[in-house]
Amino acid sequence: MNFTVYQRTTADHRVELIYVSQALGGPNGSWMTVYRSLSGGEHRIKSIPMMPTKDEAQAYLDAYAKKKKGWGIAQMYSREGHRPMTWEEASRR
């Protein structure tokens, strides 16, 4: 399964990102949906339940993003702007 990051632009032109991330607890920990704050921190979206696997969490997030208005697949580009950036590259910013 592919893992997708979703974004929306708020009324004040900020871009919000939501994606799945592993909760504390090591490799056997649960997966949650989080949003990235302006300072770069991750915050859990508590209205979306935690899931035991990354695939289940992503499937729930996909359904959530389709149901809610304004969410689309994030377009993240490298610093050079020539190619789409992988999620690993984006998360290291």
N, C-alpha and C. Protein backbone atom coordinates (compact mmCIF):
# COMPACT_ATOMS: atom_id res chain seq x y z
N MET A 1 0.84 -1.19 0.00
CA MET A 1 0.00 0.00 0.00
C MET A 1 0.87 1.24 0.00
N ASN A 2 0.47 2.25 -0.77
CA ASN A 2 1.17 3.52 -0.76
C ASN A 2 0.72 4.33 0.44
N PHE A 3 1.59 5.16 0.94
CA PHE A 3 1.28 6.00 2.08
C PHE A 3 1.21 7.44 1.60
N THR A 4 0.10 8.07 1.87
CA THR A 4 -0.22 9.36 1.30
C THR A 4 -0.26 10.43 2.37
N VAL A 5 0.27 11.58 2.04
CA VAL A 5 0.19 12.77 2.89
C VAL A 5 -0.87 13.66 2.25
N TYR A 6 -1.78 14.18 3.07
CA TYR A 6 -2.83 15.07 2.58
C TYR A 6 -2.56 16.49 3.05
N GLN A 7 -3.01 17.45 2.25
CA GLN A 7 -2.84 18.85 2.62
C GLN A 7 -4.10 19.62 2.31
N ARG A 8 -4.26 20.75 3.00
CA ARG A 8 -5.30 21.72 2.66
C ARG A 8 -4.75 23.10 3.00
N THR A 9 -5.32 24.09 2.36
CA THR A 9 -4.93 25.46 2.62
C THR A 9 -6.04 26.12 3.41
N THR A 10 -5.68 26.76 4.51
CA THR A 10 -6.66 27.39 5.38
C THR A 10 -7.04 28.77 4.83
N ALA A 11 -8.05 29.39 5.43
CA ALA A 11 -8.52 30.71 5.00
C ALA A 11 -7.41 31.75 5.09
N ASP A 12 -6.48 31.58 6.04
CA ASP A 12 -5.37 32.54 6.15
C ASP A 12 -4.12 32.07 5.40
N HIS A 13 -4.32 31.19 4.42
CA HIS A 13 -3.30 30.74 3.47
C HIS A 13 -2.17 29.90 4.07
N ARG A 14 -2.43 29.28 5.21
CA ARG A 14 -1.47 28.32 5.76
C ARG A 14 -1.75 26.95 5.15
N VAL A 15 -0.72 26.17 4.97
CA VAL A 15 -0.88 24.81 4.46
C VAL A 15 -0.80 23.85 5.63
N GLU A 16 -1.82 23.00 5.78
CA GLU A 16 -1.84 21.99 6.83
C GLU A 16 -1.59 20.63 6.21
N LEU A 17 -0.80 19.80 6.87
CA LEU A 17 -0.51 18.44 6.42
C LEU A 17 -1.04 17.44 7.44
N ILE A 18 -1.64 16.34 6.97
CA ILE A 18 -2.00 15.23 7.85
C ILE A 18 -1.47 13.94 7.23
N TYR A 19 -1.06 13.03 8.10
CA TYR A 19 -0.47 11.77 7.66
C TYR A 19 -0.45 10.79 8.82
N VAL A 20 -0.12 9.53 8.55
CA VAL A 20 -0.03 8.54 9.61
C VAL A 20 1.39 8.51 10.18
N SER A 21 1.47 8.24 11.46
CA SER A 21 2.76 8.19 12.15
C SER A 21 2.65 7.15 13.27
N GLN A 22 3.76 6.53 13.58
CA GLN A 22 3.75 5.52 14.64
C GLN A 22 3.76 6.18 16.00
N ALA A 23 2.90 5.68 16.88
CA ALA A 23 2.85 6.17 18.25
C ALA A 23 4.05 5.65 19.03
N LEU A 24 4.26 6.17 20.20
CA LEU A 24 5.33 5.67 21.05
C LEU A 24 5.07 4.20 21.38
N GLY A 25 6.11 3.44 21.53
CA GLY A 25 5.94 2.04 21.87
C GLY A 25 6.77 1.12 21.00
N GLY A 26 7.67 1.70 20.22
CA GLY A 26 8.57 0.88 19.43
C GLY A 26 7.93 0.29 18.19
N PRO A 27 8.56 -0.72 17.62
CA PRO A 27 8.09 -1.28 16.36
C PRO A 27 6.72 -1.93 16.44
N ASN A 28 6.27 -2.30 17.63
CA ASN A 28 4.96 -2.92 17.78
C ASN A 28 3.89 -1.93 18.24
N GLY A 29 4.22 -0.64 18.20
CA GLY A 29 3.28 0.38 18.66
C GLY A 29 2.15 0.61 17.67
N SER A 30 1.12 1.28 18.12
CA SER A 30 -0.03 1.62 17.29
C SER A 30 0.33 2.74 16.32
N TRP A 31 -0.55 2.95 15.34
CA TRP A 31 -0.39 4.01 14.35
C TRP A 31 -1.51 5.02 14.52
N MET A 32 -1.18 6.28 14.34
CA MET A 32 -2.15 7.35 14.53
C MET A 32 -2.07 8.33 13.37
N THR A 33 -3.12 9.14 13.23
CA THR A 33 -3.11 10.20 12.24
C THR A 33 -2.71 11.48 12.96
N VAL A 34 -1.76 12.21 12.38
CA VAL A 34 -1.24 13.41 13.00
C VAL A 34 -1.28 14.57 12.01
N TYR A 35 -1.19 15.78 12.57
CA TYR A 35 -0.99 16.95 11.72
C TYR A 35 0.32 17.59 12.12
N ARG A 36 0.93 18.27 11.17
CA ARG A 36 2.21 18.95 11.40
C ARG A 36 1.92 20.40 11.75
N SER A 37 2.39 20.86 12.90
CA SER A 37 2.17 22.24 13.32
C SER A 37 3.15 23.17 12.61
N LEU A 38 2.92 24.46 12.73
CA LEU A 38 3.81 25.43 12.09
C LEU A 38 5.24 25.32 12.61
N SER A 39 5.39 24.90 13.86
CA SER A 39 6.73 24.77 14.43
C SER A 39 7.40 23.45 14.05
N GLY A 40 6.65 22.56 13.35
CA GLY A 40 7.23 21.30 12.90
C GLY A 40 6.88 20.10 13.76
N GLY A 41 6.17 20.32 14.88
CA GLY A 41 5.80 19.22 15.75
C GLY A 41 4.63 18.43 15.20
N GLU A 42 4.52 17.18 15.64
CA GLU A 42 3.40 16.32 15.25
C GLU A 42 2.39 16.29 16.39
N HIS A 43 1.10 16.38 16.03
CA HIS A 43 0.02 16.36 17.02
C HIS A 43 -1.04 15.39 16.54
N ARG A 44 -1.46 14.51 17.43
CA ARG A 44 -2.46 13.51 17.07
C ARG A 44 -3.82 14.13 16.84
N ILE A 45 -4.52 13.65 15.82
CA ILE A 45 -5.91 14.04 15.58
C ILE A 45 -6.75 13.04 16.35
N LYS A 46 -7.27 13.46 17.48
CA LYS A 46 -7.93 12.54 18.41
C LYS A 46 -9.28 12.05 17.93
N SER A 47 -9.87 12.71 16.93
CA SER A 47 -11.14 12.25 16.40
C SER A 47 -10.97 11.06 15.46
N ILE A 48 -9.73 10.73 15.12
CA ILE A 48 -9.43 9.56 14.29
C ILE A 48 -8.82 8.50 15.19
N PRO A 49 -9.41 7.30 15.25
CA PRO A 49 -8.89 6.28 16.18
C PRO A 49 -7.50 5.78 15.80
N MET A 50 -6.77 5.34 16.81
CA MET A 50 -5.47 4.71 16.57
C MET A 50 -5.71 3.32 16.00
N MET A 51 -4.78 2.85 15.18
CA MET A 51 -4.92 1.56 14.51
C MET A 51 -3.69 0.70 14.81
N PRO A 52 -3.86 -0.62 14.75
CA PRO A 52 -2.74 -1.50 15.07
C PRO A 52 -1.67 -1.57 13.97
N THR A 53 -2.04 -1.29 12.72
CA THR A 53 -1.05 -1.37 11.63
C THR A 53 -1.05 -0.08 10.81
N LYS A 54 0.05 0.17 10.12
CA LYS A 54 0.17 1.36 9.28
C LYS A 54 -0.83 1.30 8.12
N ASP A 55 -1.03 0.10 7.54
CA ASP A 55 -1.98 -0.04 6.43
C ASP A 55 -3.40 0.33 6.86
N GLU A 56 -3.81 -0.13 8.03
CA GLU A 56 -5.16 0.19 8.52
C GLU A 56 -5.30 1.69 8.80
N ALA A 57 -4.26 2.28 9.38
CA ALA A 57 -4.29 3.71 9.67
C ALA A 57 -4.37 4.52 8.38
N GLN A 58 -3.61 4.11 7.36
CA GLN A 58 -3.64 4.82 6.08
C GLN A 58 -4.99 4.68 5.39
N ALA A 59 -5.58 3.49 5.44
CA ALA A 59 -6.90 3.28 4.83
C ALA A 59 -7.95 4.17 5.51
N TYR A 60 -7.88 4.29 6.83
CA TYR A 60 -8.82 5.15 7.55
C TYR A 60 -8.60 6.61 7.17
N LEU A 61 -7.33 7.03 7.08
CA LEU A 61 -7.02 8.40 6.70
C LEU A 61 -7.50 8.69 5.28
N ASP A 62 -7.31 7.75 4.36
CA ASP A 62 -7.77 7.94 2.98
C ASP A 62 -9.28 8.19 2.94
N ALA A 63 -10.04 7.40 3.69
CA ALA A 63 -11.50 7.56 3.74
C ALA A 63 -11.86 8.90 4.39
N TYR A 64 -11.16 9.27 5.43
CA TYR A 64 -11.40 10.54 6.13
C TYR A 64 -11.16 11.72 5.20
N ALA A 65 -10.05 11.71 4.47
CA ALA A 65 -9.70 12.82 3.58
C ALA A 65 -10.70 12.96 2.43
N LYS A 66 -11.22 11.83 1.94
CA LYS A 66 -12.21 11.89 0.87
C LYS A 66 -13.53 12.47 1.36
N LYS A 67 -13.86 12.18 2.62
CA LYS A 67 -15.14 12.62 3.19
C LYS A 67 -15.11 14.10 3.57
N LYS A 68 -13.98 14.59 4.02
CA LYS A 68 -13.87 15.98 4.48
C LYS A 68 -13.52 16.90 3.32
N LYS A 69 -14.09 18.10 3.32
CA LYS A 69 -13.82 19.06 2.25
C LYS A 69 -12.44 19.66 2.40
N GLY A 70 -11.80 19.92 1.27
CA GLY A 70 -10.56 20.67 1.26
C GLY A 70 -9.27 19.86 1.30
N TRP A 71 -9.35 18.56 1.63
CA TRP A 71 -8.12 17.77 1.71
C TRP A 71 -7.78 17.18 0.35
N GLY A 72 -6.54 17.34 -0.06
CA GLY A 72 -6.05 16.75 -1.30
C GLY A 72 -4.67 16.17 -1.06
N ILE A 73 -4.19 15.40 -2.00
CA ILE A 73 -2.87 14.79 -1.86
C ILE A 73 -1.81 15.89 -1.91
N ALA A 74 -0.89 15.85 -0.96
CA ALA A 74 0.13 16.88 -0.84
C ALA A 74 1.11 16.81 -2.00
N GLN A 75 1.49 17.96 -2.49
CA GLN A 75 2.52 18.07 -3.51
C GLN A 75 3.73 18.72 -2.84
N MET A 76 4.73 17.91 -2.53
CA MET A 76 5.93 18.41 -1.86
C MET A 76 7.09 18.29 -2.82
N TYR A 77 7.87 19.35 -2.94
CA TYR A 77 8.98 19.36 -3.88
C TYR A 77 10.28 19.56 -3.14
N SER A 78 11.36 19.09 -3.77
CA SER A 78 12.69 19.24 -3.19
C SER A 78 13.04 20.72 -3.12
N ARG A 79 14.07 21.03 -2.36
CA ARG A 79 14.50 22.44 -2.22
C ARG A 79 14.81 23.05 -3.58
N GLU A 80 15.31 22.26 -4.51
CA GLU A 80 15.62 22.77 -5.84
C GLU A 80 14.36 22.98 -6.66
N GLY A 81 13.26 22.31 -6.26
CA GLY A 81 11.99 22.47 -6.95
C GLY A 81 11.87 21.70 -8.25
N HIS A 82 12.81 20.80 -8.54
CA HIS A 82 12.82 20.10 -9.81
C HIS A 82 12.09 18.77 -9.79
N ARG A 83 11.94 18.20 -8.63
CA ARG A 83 11.34 16.87 -8.58
C ARG A 83 10.50 16.75 -7.31
N PRO A 84 9.47 15.90 -7.37
CA PRO A 84 8.71 15.68 -6.14
C PRO A 84 9.61 15.11 -5.05
N MET A 85 9.36 15.52 -3.84
CA MET A 85 10.15 15.09 -2.69
C MET A 85 9.51 13.86 -2.07
N THR A 86 10.32 12.93 -1.62
CA THR A 86 9.79 11.78 -0.90
C THR A 86 9.36 12.24 0.49
N TRP A 87 8.49 11.45 1.12
CA TRP A 87 8.04 11.81 2.46
C TRP A 87 9.21 11.82 3.44
N GLU A 88 10.16 10.91 3.25
CA GLU A 88 11.33 10.88 4.15
C GLU A 88 12.10 12.20 4.07
N GLU A 89 12.27 12.72 2.85
CA GLU A 89 12.96 14.00 2.69
C GLU A 89 12.17 15.13 3.35
N ALA A 90 10.85 15.13 3.16
CA ALA A 90 10.02 16.19 3.71
C ALA A 90 10.02 16.17 5.23
N SER A 91 10.04 14.98 5.82
CA SER A 91 9.97 14.88 7.28
C SER A 91 11.26 15.30 7.96
N ARG A 92 12.37 15.39 7.20
CA ARG A 92 13.65 15.82 7.77
C ARG A 92 13.83 17.32 7.73
N ARG A 93 12.89 18.06 7.16
CA ARG A 93 13.02 19.52 7.04
C ARG A 93 12.90 20.20 8.37
